[in-house]
Amino acid sequence: MNIHKEGRGLIKNSIFLLLLIGIISGFNDAFTSFTLPIFSFFILFFIWFFRVPKRNFNIVEGNIYAPCDGKVVVIEETLENEFFKDNRIQVSIFMSPLNVHNNLYPINGAIEYIKYHPGKFLFAWNPKSSTDNERNTVVIKNSNIEILYRQIAGALARRIICYSKVNKDITACQELGFIKFGSRVDLFLPIGTKIISNLNDKTEGGKTIIGTYNN
């Protein structure tokens, strides 16, 4: 298991601040009974939150892989009104603060479109979070399929990180970005895509197959 680069500075700074408080206080009783347990809890939480488990990916062309760990909370036909402006199959995965939070590309292809949207911080399971919350949209295209991928901030998530660049060639299960402290990812798939996942399924980023398309 590795610690994601987005969390290493936070963990190091927390440990440094804990040691500094200890030195200033002389490691007194208040430090050992109050400060040390609180800081230790948060440091351990940060280590757990920013963990990136080692996984071997078996990429098969035609599969759409889960973009993150979490729980499938939406599978429905809906109007996608930002880029495609037509009906698509929306598959949404909710990530709790306990899930692995790095985001992965679901297919091979190239980046066609990226746009960041400032917004609210509604709870990620609220249907309006898909259009009202702070979010980042990425469209991925290959010769057989075009997918809109939306990173959505939640009530706790206050920073969306995206490593994508327009016209960049990408590989399925390669890292797209990171969302800090709980949120969700929406995929908008073409009508006719064969959906493999079911509502309430637990997903494993890069391993779980969300659906398939013809290649």
N, C-alpha and C. Protein backbone atom coordinates (compact mmCIF):
# COMPACT_ATOMS: atom_id res chain seq x y z
N MET A 1 0.83 -1.20 0.00
CA MET A 1 0.00 0.00 0.00
C MET A 1 0.87 1.25 0.00
N ASN A 2 0.50 2.21 -0.82
CA ASN A 2 1.19 3.50 -0.87
C ASN A 2 0.30 4.60 -0.31
N ILE A 3 0.91 5.73 0.03
CA ILE A 3 0.17 6.92 0.42
C ILE A 3 0.14 7.86 -0.78
N HIS A 4 -1.06 8.32 -1.14
CA HIS A 4 -1.20 9.17 -2.31
C HIS A 4 -0.45 10.48 -2.11
N LYS A 5 0.13 10.99 -3.20
CA LYS A 5 0.93 12.21 -3.13
C LYS A 5 0.14 13.40 -2.61
N GLU A 6 -1.20 13.41 -2.79
CA GLU A 6 -2.02 14.52 -2.33
C GLU A 6 -2.12 14.55 -0.81
N GLY A 7 -1.79 13.45 -0.15
CA GLY A 7 -1.90 13.41 1.30
C GLY A 7 -0.58 13.41 2.06
N ARG A 8 0.53 13.23 1.35
CA ARG A 8 1.81 13.10 2.04
C ARG A 8 2.18 14.37 2.81
N GLY A 9 1.97 15.55 2.19
CA GLY A 9 2.30 16.80 2.86
C GLY A 9 1.45 17.01 4.10
N LEU A 10 0.16 16.69 4.01
CA LEU A 10 -0.74 16.85 5.15
C LEU A 10 -0.31 15.96 6.31
N ILE A 11 0.07 14.74 6.02
CA ILE A 11 0.49 13.81 7.08
C ILE A 11 1.81 14.28 7.71
N LYS A 12 2.77 14.68 6.87
CA LYS A 12 4.05 15.15 7.39
C LYS A 12 3.87 16.40 8.24
N ASN A 13 3.03 17.33 7.79
CA ASN A 13 2.81 18.57 8.55
C ASN A 13 2.12 18.28 9.88
N SER A 14 1.20 17.31 9.89
CA SER A 14 0.51 16.95 11.13
C SER A 14 1.47 16.36 12.14
N ILE A 15 2.36 15.49 11.66
CA ILE A 15 3.35 14.88 12.57
C ILE A 15 4.32 15.95 13.08
N PHE A 16 4.75 16.84 12.18
CA PHE A 16 5.65 17.92 12.60
C PHE A 16 5.00 18.81 13.64
N LEU A 17 3.72 19.18 13.42
CA LEU A 17 3.02 20.04 14.38
C LEU A 17 2.85 19.34 15.72
N LEU A 18 2.57 18.04 15.69
CA LEU A 18 2.43 17.27 16.94
C LEU A 18 3.74 17.29 17.72
N LEU A 19 4.85 17.05 17.05
CA LEU A 19 6.15 17.05 17.73
C LEU A 19 6.49 18.45 18.26
N LEU A 20 6.15 19.48 17.47
CA LEU A 20 6.43 20.85 17.91
C LEU A 20 5.64 21.20 19.16
N ILE A 21 4.36 20.83 19.19
CA ILE A 21 3.54 21.08 20.38
C ILE A 21 4.11 20.31 21.57
N GLY A 22 4.55 19.08 21.31
CA GLY A 22 5.13 18.28 22.40
C GLY A 22 6.38 18.91 22.97
N ILE A 23 7.26 19.41 22.11
CA ILE A 23 8.51 20.04 22.56
C ILE A 23 8.19 21.31 23.35
N ILE A 24 7.27 22.12 22.82
CA ILE A 24 6.92 23.39 23.51
C ILE A 24 6.28 23.11 24.87
N SER A 25 5.45 22.08 24.93
CA SER A 25 4.75 21.76 26.19
C SER A 25 5.60 20.94 27.15
N GLY A 26 6.75 20.47 26.68
CA GLY A 26 7.58 19.61 27.51
C GLY A 26 6.98 18.23 27.67
N PHE A 27 6.13 17.86 26.71
CA PHE A 27 5.46 16.55 26.75
C PHE A 27 4.78 16.33 28.10
N ASN A 28 4.06 17.36 28.54
CA ASN A 28 3.41 17.29 29.86
C ASN A 28 2.16 16.41 29.82
N ASP A 29 1.46 16.36 30.96
CA ASP A 29 0.29 15.48 31.06
C ASP A 29 -0.81 15.88 30.09
N ALA A 30 -1.02 17.18 29.90
CA ALA A 30 -2.05 17.64 28.98
C ALA A 30 -1.74 17.17 27.55
N PHE A 31 -0.47 17.17 27.20
CA PHE A 31 -0.07 16.72 25.87
C PHE A 31 -0.35 15.23 25.70
N THR A 32 0.07 14.43 26.66
CA THR A 32 -0.08 12.97 26.53
C THR A 32 -1.52 12.50 26.67
N SER A 33 -2.33 13.22 27.45
CA SER A 33 -3.70 12.77 27.68
C SER A 33 -4.72 13.39 26.72
N PHE A 34 -4.36 14.52 26.09
CA PHE A 34 -5.33 15.22 25.24
C PHE A 34 -4.82 15.41 23.81
N THR A 35 -3.71 16.13 23.69
CA THR A 35 -3.21 16.47 22.35
C THR A 35 -2.76 15.24 21.58
N LEU A 36 -1.98 14.38 22.20
CA LEU A 36 -1.44 13.21 21.52
C LEU A 36 -2.54 12.29 20.97
N PRO A 37 -3.57 11.94 21.78
CA PRO A 37 -4.63 11.07 21.22
C PRO A 37 -5.39 11.70 20.06
N ILE A 38 -5.68 13.00 20.15
CA ILE A 38 -6.44 13.67 19.08
C ILE A 38 -5.63 13.71 17.79
N PHE A 39 -4.36 14.13 17.90
CA PHE A 39 -3.52 14.20 16.71
C PHE A 39 -3.29 12.81 16.13
N SER A 40 -3.11 11.82 16.99
CA SER A 40 -2.87 10.45 16.52
C SER A 40 -4.07 9.94 15.73
N PHE A 41 -5.27 10.26 16.22
CA PHE A 41 -6.49 9.85 15.52
C PHE A 41 -6.52 10.44 14.11
N PHE A 42 -6.27 11.75 14.01
CA PHE A 42 -6.34 12.39 12.70
C PHE A 42 -5.22 11.92 11.77
N ILE A 43 -4.03 11.71 12.31
CA ILE A 43 -2.92 11.23 11.48
C ILE A 43 -3.24 9.84 10.92
N LEU A 44 -3.76 8.97 11.78
CA LEU A 44 -4.13 7.63 11.32
C LEU A 44 -5.27 7.69 10.30
N PHE A 45 -6.21 8.62 10.53
CA PHE A 45 -7.31 8.78 9.56
C PHE A 45 -6.77 9.25 8.21
N PHE A 46 -5.83 10.21 8.23
CA PHE A 46 -5.25 10.71 6.98
C PHE A 46 -4.50 9.60 6.24
N ILE A 47 -3.77 8.78 7.00
CA ILE A 47 -3.05 7.67 6.38
C ILE A 47 -4.04 6.71 5.71
N TRP A 48 -5.13 6.42 6.42
CA TRP A 48 -6.15 5.52 5.87
C TRP A 48 -6.84 6.15 4.67
N PHE A 49 -7.19 7.44 4.75
CA PHE A 49 -7.92 8.10 3.68
C PHE A 49 -7.10 8.20 2.40
N PHE A 50 -5.82 8.49 2.53
CA PHE A 50 -4.96 8.70 1.36
C PHE A 50 -4.25 7.43 0.92
N ARG A 51 -4.67 6.29 1.41
CA ARG A 51 -4.05 5.04 1.01
C ARG A 51 -4.37 4.73 -0.46
N VAL A 52 -3.43 4.11 -1.13
CA VAL A 52 -3.65 3.64 -2.49
C VAL A 52 -3.16 2.18 -2.52
N PRO A 53 -4.08 1.24 -2.44
CA PRO A 53 -3.67 -0.17 -2.44
C PRO A 53 -3.07 -0.58 -3.77
N LYS A 54 -2.15 -1.51 -3.73
CA LYS A 54 -1.54 -2.02 -4.96
C LYS A 54 -2.52 -2.97 -5.63
N ARG A 55 -2.81 -2.71 -6.90
CA ARG A 55 -3.75 -3.54 -7.64
C ARG A 55 -3.18 -3.86 -9.01
N ASN A 56 -3.42 -5.07 -9.46
CA ASN A 56 -3.06 -5.46 -10.82
C ASN A 56 -4.31 -5.36 -11.68
N PHE A 57 -4.21 -4.60 -12.76
CA PHE A 57 -5.36 -4.37 -13.63
C PHE A 57 -5.26 -5.23 -14.88
N ASN A 58 -6.37 -5.89 -15.21
CA ASN A 58 -6.46 -6.69 -16.43
C ASN A 58 -7.38 -5.95 -17.39
N ILE A 59 -6.82 -5.11 -18.23
CA ILE A 59 -7.62 -4.22 -19.09
C ILE A 59 -8.04 -4.97 -20.36
N VAL A 60 -9.33 -5.01 -20.58
CA VAL A 60 -9.89 -5.64 -21.78
C VAL A 60 -10.65 -4.57 -22.56
N GLU A 61 -10.30 -4.36 -23.81
CA GLU A 61 -10.99 -3.37 -24.64
C GLU A 61 -12.47 -3.75 -24.75
N GLY A 62 -13.33 -2.77 -24.54
CA GLY A 62 -14.77 -3.03 -24.56
C GLY A 62 -15.40 -3.02 -23.18
N ASN A 63 -14.56 -3.08 -22.15
CA ASN A 63 -15.06 -2.99 -20.78
C ASN A 63 -15.01 -1.55 -20.29
N ILE A 64 -15.99 -1.17 -19.49
CA ILE A 64 -16.00 0.13 -18.82
C ILE A 64 -15.77 -0.15 -17.34
N TYR A 65 -14.64 0.29 -16.83
CA TYR A 65 -14.24 -0.05 -15.46
C TYR A 65 -14.70 1.01 -14.46
N ALA A 66 -14.93 0.57 -13.24
CA ALA A 66 -15.33 1.50 -12.18
C ALA A 66 -14.26 2.57 -12.00
N PRO A 67 -14.64 3.85 -11.97
CA PRO A 67 -13.65 4.92 -11.83
C PRO A 67 -13.16 5.13 -10.41
N CYS A 68 -13.78 4.44 -9.45
CA CYS A 68 -13.38 4.63 -8.05
C CYS A 68 -13.98 3.52 -7.20
N ASP A 69 -13.53 3.44 -5.98
CA ASP A 69 -14.15 2.56 -4.98
C ASP A 69 -15.41 3.24 -4.47
N GLY A 70 -16.41 2.48 -4.12
CA GLY A 70 -17.62 3.08 -3.55
C GLY A 70 -18.83 2.21 -3.72
N LYS A 71 -19.98 2.85 -3.82
CA LYS A 71 -21.27 2.17 -3.91
C LYS A 71 -22.09 2.78 -5.04
N VAL A 72 -22.66 1.95 -5.89
CA VAL A 72 -23.49 2.43 -6.99
C VAL A 72 -24.82 2.94 -6.41
N VAL A 73 -25.09 4.22 -6.60
CA VAL A 73 -26.29 4.82 -6.02
C VAL A 73 -27.29 5.27 -7.08
N VAL A 74 -26.87 5.35 -8.34
CA VAL A 74 -27.77 5.76 -9.43
C VAL A 74 -27.45 4.95 -10.67
N ILE A 75 -28.49 4.38 -11.29
CA ILE A 75 -28.42 3.85 -12.66
C ILE A 75 -29.73 4.26 -13.31
N GLU A 76 -29.69 5.24 -14.20
CA GLU A 76 -30.92 5.71 -14.81
C GLU A 76 -30.63 6.45 -16.10
N GLU A 77 -31.65 6.50 -16.96
CA GLU A 77 -31.54 7.32 -18.16
C GLU A 77 -31.88 8.76 -17.80
N THR A 78 -31.03 9.69 -18.21
CA THR A 78 -31.23 11.08 -17.85
C THR A 78 -30.69 11.99 -18.95
N LEU A 79 -31.11 13.24 -18.93
CA LEU A 79 -30.61 14.22 -19.89
C LEU A 79 -29.27 14.76 -19.41
N GLU A 80 -28.24 14.62 -20.25
CA GLU A 80 -26.93 15.21 -19.94
C GLU A 80 -26.88 16.53 -20.71
N ASN A 81 -26.93 17.65 -19.97
CA ASN A 81 -27.13 18.94 -20.64
C ASN A 81 -25.89 19.83 -20.69
N GLU A 82 -24.73 19.28 -20.34
CA GLU A 82 -23.52 20.11 -20.42
C GLU A 82 -22.78 19.95 -21.75
N PHE A 83 -22.56 18.71 -22.15
CA PHE A 83 -21.73 18.45 -23.33
C PHE A 83 -22.52 17.77 -24.45
N PHE A 84 -23.11 16.62 -24.15
CA PHE A 84 -23.82 15.87 -25.19
C PHE A 84 -25.18 16.49 -25.52
N LYS A 85 -25.84 16.99 -24.46
CA LYS A 85 -27.18 17.59 -24.59
C LYS A 85 -28.18 16.60 -25.19
N ASP A 86 -28.09 15.36 -24.72
CA ASP A 86 -29.07 14.34 -25.09
C ASP A 86 -29.17 13.34 -23.94
N ASN A 87 -30.02 12.35 -24.10
CA ASN A 87 -30.21 11.36 -23.04
C ASN A 87 -29.02 10.39 -23.00
N ARG A 88 -28.64 10.08 -21.79
CA ARG A 88 -27.54 9.15 -21.53
C ARG A 88 -27.91 8.26 -20.36
N ILE A 89 -27.17 7.17 -20.19
CA ILE A 89 -27.32 6.35 -18.99
C ILE A 89 -26.36 6.88 -17.94
N GLN A 90 -26.90 7.35 -16.84
CA GLN A 90 -26.08 7.87 -15.75
C GLN A 90 -25.82 6.76 -14.74
N VAL A 91 -24.57 6.53 -14.43
CA VAL A 91 -24.17 5.62 -13.36
C VAL A 91 -23.37 6.43 -12.35
N SER A 92 -23.84 6.49 -11.12
CA SER A 92 -23.19 7.30 -10.09
C SER A 92 -22.66 6.40 -8.98
N ILE A 93 -21.44 6.70 -8.54
CA ILE A 93 -20.80 5.94 -7.46
C ILE A 93 -20.49 6.88 -6.32
N PHE A 94 -21.02 6.57 -5.14
CA PHE A 94 -20.78 7.38 -3.94
C PHE A 94 -19.57 6.84 -3.20
N MET A 95 -18.67 7.75 -2.84
CA MET A 95 -17.48 7.39 -2.07
C MET A 95 -17.63 7.93 -0.65
N SER A 96 -17.64 7.07 0.33
CA SER A 96 -17.65 7.51 1.72
C SER A 96 -16.23 7.91 2.12
N PRO A 97 -16.06 8.62 3.24
CA PRO A 97 -14.71 8.98 3.67
C PRO A 97 -13.79 7.78 3.92
N LEU A 98 -14.37 6.58 4.02
CA LEU A 98 -13.56 5.39 4.29
C LEU A 98 -13.09 4.69 3.02
N ASN A 99 -13.63 5.09 1.87
CA ASN A 99 -13.22 4.48 0.61
C ASN A 99 -11.88 5.01 0.13
N VAL A 100 -11.21 4.23 -0.74
CA VAL A 100 -10.05 4.73 -1.48
C VAL A 100 -10.55 5.83 -2.40
N HIS A 101 -9.82 6.96 -2.47
CA HIS A 101 -10.37 8.14 -3.13
C HIS A 101 -9.66 8.57 -4.40
N ASN A 102 -8.70 7.82 -4.90
CA ASN A 102 -8.15 8.21 -6.19
C ASN A 102 -9.12 7.80 -7.29
N ASN A 103 -9.17 8.59 -8.34
CA ASN A 103 -10.10 8.39 -9.45
C ASN A 103 -9.36 7.88 -10.67
N LEU A 104 -9.94 6.91 -11.37
CA LEU A 104 -9.29 6.24 -12.49
C LEU A 104 -10.10 6.41 -13.77
N TYR A 105 -9.41 6.36 -14.91
CA TYR A 105 -10.12 6.40 -16.19
C TYR A 105 -10.85 5.07 -16.41
N PRO A 106 -12.08 5.13 -16.91
CA PRO A 106 -12.86 3.89 -17.09
C PRO A 106 -12.57 3.16 -18.40
N ILE A 107 -12.00 3.88 -19.39
CA ILE A 107 -11.74 3.27 -20.71
C ILE A 107 -10.43 3.82 -21.27
N ASN A 108 -9.94 3.17 -22.33
CA ASN A 108 -8.86 3.73 -23.13
C ASN A 108 -9.42 4.82 -24.02
N GLY A 109 -8.60 5.80 -24.38
CA GLY A 109 -9.07 6.82 -25.30
C GLY A 109 -8.24 8.08 -25.24
N ALA A 110 -8.87 9.19 -25.56
CA ALA A 110 -8.22 10.50 -25.52
C ALA A 110 -9.17 11.50 -24.85
N ILE A 111 -8.61 12.52 -24.22
CA ILE A 111 -9.41 13.53 -23.55
C ILE A 111 -9.91 14.54 -24.57
N GLU A 112 -11.23 14.68 -24.65
CA GLU A 112 -11.84 15.57 -25.63
C GLU A 112 -12.25 16.91 -25.02
N TYR A 113 -12.56 16.91 -23.72
CA TYR A 113 -13.15 18.11 -23.10
C TYR A 113 -12.90 18.06 -21.60
N ILE A 114 -12.60 19.23 -21.03
CA ILE A 114 -12.46 19.37 -19.57
C ILE A 114 -13.06 20.71 -19.17
N LYS A 115 -13.84 20.71 -18.10
CA LYS A 115 -14.35 21.97 -17.58
C LYS A 115 -14.62 21.86 -16.09
N TYR A 116 -14.09 22.83 -15.33
CA TYR A 116 -14.32 22.91 -13.89
C TYR A 116 -15.49 23.85 -13.62
N HIS A 117 -16.38 23.46 -12.70
CA HIS A 117 -17.54 24.27 -12.34
C HIS A 117 -17.53 24.54 -10.84
N PRO A 118 -17.43 25.79 -10.40
CA PRO A 118 -17.63 26.08 -8.98
C PRO A 118 -19.09 25.82 -8.62
N GLY A 119 -19.36 25.60 -7.35
CA GLY A 119 -20.74 25.31 -6.96
C GLY A 119 -20.91 25.10 -5.48
N LYS A 120 -22.01 24.46 -5.12
CA LYS A 120 -22.36 24.22 -3.73
C LYS A 120 -21.64 22.99 -3.19
N PHE A 121 -21.94 22.68 -1.92
CA PHE A 121 -21.35 21.50 -1.29
C PHE A 121 -22.47 20.69 -0.62
N LEU A 122 -23.48 20.32 -1.44
CA LEU A 122 -24.55 19.46 -0.94
C LEU A 122 -23.99 18.06 -0.67
N PHE A 123 -24.68 17.30 0.16
CA PHE A 123 -24.25 15.93 0.38
C PHE A 123 -24.26 15.19 -0.95
N ALA A 124 -23.25 14.35 -1.15
CA ALA A 124 -23.02 13.75 -2.47
C ALA A 124 -24.13 12.81 -2.90
N TRP A 125 -24.94 12.28 -1.95
CA TRP A 125 -26.02 11.39 -2.35
C TRP A 125 -27.27 12.16 -2.80
N ASN A 126 -27.26 13.48 -2.62
CA ASN A 126 -28.37 14.31 -3.10
C ASN A 126 -28.34 14.36 -4.63
N PRO A 127 -29.44 14.02 -5.34
CA PRO A 127 -29.43 14.03 -6.80
C PRO A 127 -29.01 15.38 -7.39
N LYS A 128 -29.30 16.48 -6.70
CA LYS A 128 -28.94 17.81 -7.21
C LYS A 128 -27.44 18.07 -7.17
N SER A 129 -26.69 17.24 -6.44
CA SER A 129 -25.24 17.45 -6.36
C SER A 129 -24.58 17.31 -7.72
N SER A 130 -25.19 16.52 -8.61
CA SER A 130 -24.61 16.28 -9.94
C SER A 130 -24.56 17.55 -10.77
N THR A 131 -25.53 18.48 -10.52
CA THR A 131 -25.58 19.71 -11.31
C THR A 131 -25.33 20.97 -10.51
N ASP A 132 -25.48 20.90 -9.17
CA ASP A 132 -25.38 22.11 -8.35
C ASP A 132 -24.05 22.22 -7.59
N ASN A 133 -23.40 21.08 -7.33
CA ASN A 133 -22.18 21.11 -6.53
C ASN A 133 -20.95 21.51 -7.35
N GLU A 134 -19.90 21.87 -6.63
CA GLU A 134 -18.60 22.03 -7.29
C GLU A 134 -18.27 20.71 -7.98
N ARG A 135 -17.82 20.80 -9.23
CA ARG A 135 -17.61 19.58 -10.00
C ARG A 135 -16.62 19.82 -11.13
N ASN A 136 -16.12 18.73 -11.66
CA ASN A 136 -15.19 18.80 -12.78
C ASN A 136 -15.62 17.76 -13.81
N THR A 137 -15.75 18.19 -15.05
CA THR A 137 -16.23 17.31 -16.12
C THR A 137 -15.09 16.98 -17.08
N VAL A 138 -14.98 15.70 -17.41
CA VAL A 138 -13.99 15.22 -18.38
C VAL A 138 -14.72 14.32 -19.38
N VAL A 139 -14.50 14.55 -20.67
CA VAL A 139 -15.08 13.68 -21.69
C VAL A 139 -13.95 12.88 -22.34
N ILE A 140 -14.15 11.56 -22.36
CA ILE A 140 -13.16 10.62 -22.90
C ILE A 140 -13.76 9.96 -24.14
N LYS A 141 -12.97 9.87 -25.19
CA LYS A 141 -13.48 9.33 -26.45
C LYS A 141 -12.47 8.37 -27.06
N ASN A 142 -12.99 7.25 -27.57
CA ASN A 142 -12.18 6.41 -28.45
C ASN A 142 -13.01 6.11 -29.70
N SER A 143 -12.57 5.22 -30.54
CA SER A 143 -13.24 5.00 -31.82
C SER A 143 -14.60 4.33 -31.69
N ASN A 144 -14.94 3.86 -30.47
CA ASN A 144 -16.18 3.12 -30.29
C ASN A 144 -17.16 3.74 -29.30
N ILE A 145 -16.67 4.60 -28.43
CA ILE A 145 -17.55 5.12 -27.38
C ILE A 145 -17.03 6.47 -26.89
N GLU A 146 -17.96 7.27 -26.36
CA GLU A 146 -17.65 8.57 -25.80
C GLU A 146 -18.34 8.64 -24.43
N ILE A 147 -17.57 8.93 -23.39
CA ILE A 147 -18.08 8.91 -22.01
C ILE A 147 -17.81 10.25 -21.33
N LEU A 148 -18.82 10.75 -20.66
CA LEU A 148 -18.63 11.93 -19.81
C LEU A 148 -18.41 11.46 -18.38
N TYR A 149 -17.37 11.96 -17.77
CA TYR A 149 -16.93 11.57 -16.42
C TYR A 149 -16.96 12.82 -15.56
N ARG A 150 -17.73 12.78 -14.47
CA ARG A 150 -17.88 13.99 -13.64
C ARG A 150 -17.45 13.70 -12.20
N GLN A 151 -16.45 14.44 -11.75
CA GLN A 151 -16.03 14.40 -10.34
C GLN A 151 -16.87 15.43 -9.59
N ILE A 152 -17.47 15.02 -8.48
CA ILE A 152 -18.39 15.90 -7.77
C ILE A 152 -17.97 16.02 -6.31
N ALA A 153 -17.85 17.26 -5.85
CA ALA A 153 -17.54 17.51 -4.44
C ALA A 153 -18.78 17.23 -3.59
N GLY A 154 -18.57 16.95 -2.31
CA GLY A 154 -19.67 16.71 -1.40
C GLY A 154 -19.64 17.68 -0.24
N ALA A 155 -20.37 17.35 0.81
CA ALA A 155 -20.45 18.24 1.97
C ALA A 155 -19.10 18.37 2.67
N LEU A 156 -18.29 17.29 2.62
CA LEU A 156 -16.97 17.32 3.26
C LEU A 156 -15.87 17.58 2.25
N ALA A 157 -16.09 17.14 1.01
CA ALA A 157 -15.05 17.31 -0.01
C ALA A 157 -14.94 18.77 -0.42
N ARG A 158 -13.77 19.33 -0.30
CA ARG A 158 -13.57 20.74 -0.63
C ARG A 158 -12.48 20.94 -1.67
N ARG A 159 -12.02 19.87 -2.26
CA ARG A 159 -11.01 20.04 -3.29
C ARG A 159 -11.07 18.89 -4.29
N ILE A 160 -11.31 19.24 -5.54
CA ILE A 160 -11.31 18.27 -6.62
C ILE A 160 -10.01 18.45 -7.40
N ILE A 161 -9.30 17.36 -7.61
CA ILE A 161 -8.03 17.41 -8.33
C ILE A 161 -8.16 16.57 -9.59
N CYS A 162 -7.77 17.15 -10.71
CA CYS A 162 -7.85 16.46 -11.99
C CYS A 162 -6.51 16.60 -12.71
N TYR A 163 -5.96 15.48 -13.18
CA TYR A 163 -4.68 15.49 -13.86
C TYR A 163 -4.83 15.46 -15.38
N SER A 164 -6.06 15.49 -15.87
CA SER A 164 -6.31 15.37 -17.30
C SER A 164 -5.92 16.63 -18.06
N LYS A 165 -5.62 16.45 -19.33
CA LYS A 165 -5.37 17.55 -20.26
C LYS A 165 -6.03 17.21 -21.59
N VAL A 166 -6.63 18.21 -22.23
CA VAL A 166 -7.30 17.99 -23.51
C VAL A 166 -6.31 17.44 -24.54
N ASN A 167 -6.77 16.46 -25.30
CA ASN A 167 -6.01 15.77 -26.36
C ASN A 167 -5.00 14.76 -25.81
N LYS A 168 -4.96 14.59 -24.51
CA LYS A 168 -4.04 13.61 -23.92
C LYS A 168 -4.58 12.20 -24.15
N ASP A 169 -3.72 11.29 -24.62
CA ASP A 169 -4.10 9.88 -24.74
C ASP A 169 -4.00 9.23 -23.36
N ILE A 170 -5.02 8.48 -23.02
CA ILE A 170 -5.04 7.86 -21.68
C ILE A 170 -5.36 6.37 -21.80
N THR A 171 -5.08 5.66 -20.73
CA THR A 171 -5.32 4.22 -20.65
C THR A 171 -6.29 3.94 -19.52
N ALA A 172 -7.18 3.00 -19.72
CA ALA A 172 -8.10 2.59 -18.67
C ALA A 172 -7.32 2.23 -17.41
N CYS A 173 -7.84 2.65 -16.26
CA CYS A 173 -7.29 2.39 -14.93
C CYS A 173 -6.08 3.26 -14.59
N GLN A 174 -5.65 4.12 -15.54
CA GLN A 174 -4.66 5.14 -15.23
C GLN A 174 -5.33 6.19 -14.35
N GLU A 175 -4.56 6.87 -13.49
CA GLU A 175 -5.16 7.81 -12.55
C GLU A 175 -5.61 9.09 -13.23
N LEU A 176 -6.87 9.47 -12.99
CA LEU A 176 -7.44 10.71 -13.51
C LEU A 176 -7.30 11.85 -12.51
N GLY A 177 -7.49 11.55 -11.23
CA GLY A 177 -7.43 12.61 -10.22
C GLY A 177 -7.76 12.10 -8.84
N PHE A 178 -8.20 13.01 -8.00
CA PHE A 178 -8.44 12.70 -6.59
C PHE A 178 -9.49 13.68 -6.05
N ILE A 179 -10.38 13.19 -5.20
CA ILE A 179 -11.34 14.06 -4.51
C ILE A 179 -11.13 13.88 -3.02
N LYS A 180 -10.93 14.99 -2.32
CA LYS A 180 -10.59 14.89 -0.90
C LYS A 180 -11.84 14.86 -0.02
N PHE A 181 -11.93 13.81 0.79
CA PHE A 181 -12.87 13.68 1.91
C PHE A 181 -14.32 13.45 1.51
N GLY A 182 -14.55 12.44 0.71
CA GLY A 182 -15.89 11.94 0.48
C GLY A 182 -16.65 12.66 -0.63
N SER A 183 -17.13 11.94 -1.61
CA SER A 183 -17.86 12.58 -2.69
C SER A 183 -18.42 11.51 -3.62
N ARG A 184 -18.57 11.85 -4.92
CA ARG A 184 -19.08 10.87 -5.87
C ARG A 184 -18.54 11.14 -7.27
N VAL A 185 -18.68 10.11 -8.10
CA VAL A 185 -18.32 10.21 -9.51
C VAL A 185 -19.52 9.77 -10.33
N ASP A 186 -19.87 10.57 -11.35
CA ASP A 186 -20.92 10.20 -12.30
C ASP A 186 -20.30 9.84 -13.63
N LEU A 187 -20.81 8.78 -14.24
CA LEU A 187 -20.48 8.44 -15.62
C LEU A 187 -21.75 8.59 -16.45
N PHE A 188 -21.63 9.22 -17.62
CA PHE A 188 -22.74 9.33 -18.55
C PHE A 188 -22.37 8.53 -19.79
N LEU A 189 -23.11 7.42 -20.01
CA LEU A 189 -22.78 6.44 -21.04
C LEU A 189 -23.82 6.49 -22.16
N PRO A 190 -23.44 6.13 -23.37
CA PRO A 190 -24.41 6.14 -24.48
C PRO A 190 -25.58 5.20 -24.21
N ILE A 191 -26.77 5.60 -24.68
CA ILE A 191 -27.92 4.71 -24.63
C ILE A 191 -27.58 3.45 -25.41
N GLY A 192 -27.89 2.31 -24.86
CA GLY A 192 -27.55 1.04 -25.50
C GLY A 192 -26.35 0.37 -24.88
N THR A 193 -25.60 1.11 -24.04
CA THR A 193 -24.48 0.49 -23.33
C THR A 193 -25.01 -0.62 -22.43
N LYS A 194 -24.38 -1.77 -22.46
CA LYS A 194 -24.79 -2.88 -21.61
C LYS A 194 -24.26 -2.64 -20.19
N ILE A 195 -25.15 -2.43 -19.24
CA ILE A 195 -24.76 -2.16 -17.86
C ILE A 195 -24.64 -3.48 -17.10
N ILE A 196 -23.50 -3.70 -16.50
CA ILE A 196 -23.25 -4.93 -15.73
C ILE A 196 -23.57 -4.72 -14.26
N SER A 197 -23.24 -3.55 -13.74
CA SER A 197 -23.44 -3.27 -12.31
C SER A 197 -24.92 -3.09 -11.98
N ASN A 198 -25.24 -3.26 -10.71
CA ASN A 198 -26.58 -3.06 -10.20
C ASN A 198 -26.56 -2.02 -9.09
N LEU A 199 -27.72 -1.44 -8.81
CA LEU A 199 -27.81 -0.51 -7.68
C LEU A 199 -27.33 -1.17 -6.40
N ASN A 200 -26.61 -0.38 -5.60
CA ASN A 200 -26.08 -0.79 -4.28
C ASN A 200 -24.89 -1.73 -4.37
N ASP A 201 -24.42 -2.03 -5.60
CA ASP A 201 -23.20 -2.81 -5.72
C ASP A 201 -22.02 -2.03 -5.16
N LYS A 202 -21.09 -2.72 -4.52
CA LYS A 202 -19.83 -2.12 -4.09
C LYS A 202 -18.85 -2.22 -5.25
N THR A 203 -18.15 -1.13 -5.52
CA THR A 203 -17.22 -1.12 -6.65
C THR A 203 -15.78 -1.03 -6.16
N GLU A 204 -14.89 -1.56 -6.97
CA GLU A 204 -13.45 -1.48 -6.72
C GLU A 204 -12.83 -0.82 -7.95
N GLY A 205 -12.24 0.36 -7.75
CA GLY A 205 -11.73 1.14 -8.87
C GLY A 205 -10.78 0.35 -9.75
N GLY A 206 -11.07 0.35 -11.06
CA GLY A 206 -10.21 -0.34 -12.01
C GLY A 206 -10.40 -1.85 -12.08
N LYS A 207 -11.24 -2.39 -11.21
CA LYS A 207 -11.45 -3.84 -11.17
C LYS A 207 -12.90 -4.20 -11.52
N THR A 208 -13.85 -3.50 -10.92
CA THR A 208 -15.25 -3.76 -11.17
C THR A 208 -15.63 -3.29 -12.58
N ILE A 209 -16.35 -4.11 -13.31
CA ILE A 209 -16.82 -3.73 -14.65
C ILE A 209 -18.21 -3.11 -14.52
N ILE A 210 -18.33 -1.84 -14.92
CA ILE A 210 -19.60 -1.14 -14.87
C ILE A 210 -20.49 -1.53 -16.04
N GLY A 211 -19.89 -1.66 -17.20
CA GLY A 211 -20.65 -2.01 -18.40
C GLY A 211 -19.71 -2.41 -19.53
N THR A 212 -20.30 -2.69 -20.68
CA THR A 212 -19.49 -3.08 -21.84
C THR A 212 -20.02 -2.36 -23.09
N TYR A 213 -19.17 -2.24 -24.09
CA TYR A 213 -19.56 -1.66 -25.37
C TYR A 213 -18.87 -2.44 -26.48
N ASN A 214 -19.36 -2.30 -27.68
CA ASN A 214 -18.78 -3.00 -28.82
C ASN A 214 -17.45 -2.37 -29.22
N ASN A 215 -16.47 -3.21 -29.50
CA ASN A 215 -15.15 -2.68 -29.94
C ASN A 215 -14.79 -3.21 -31.32
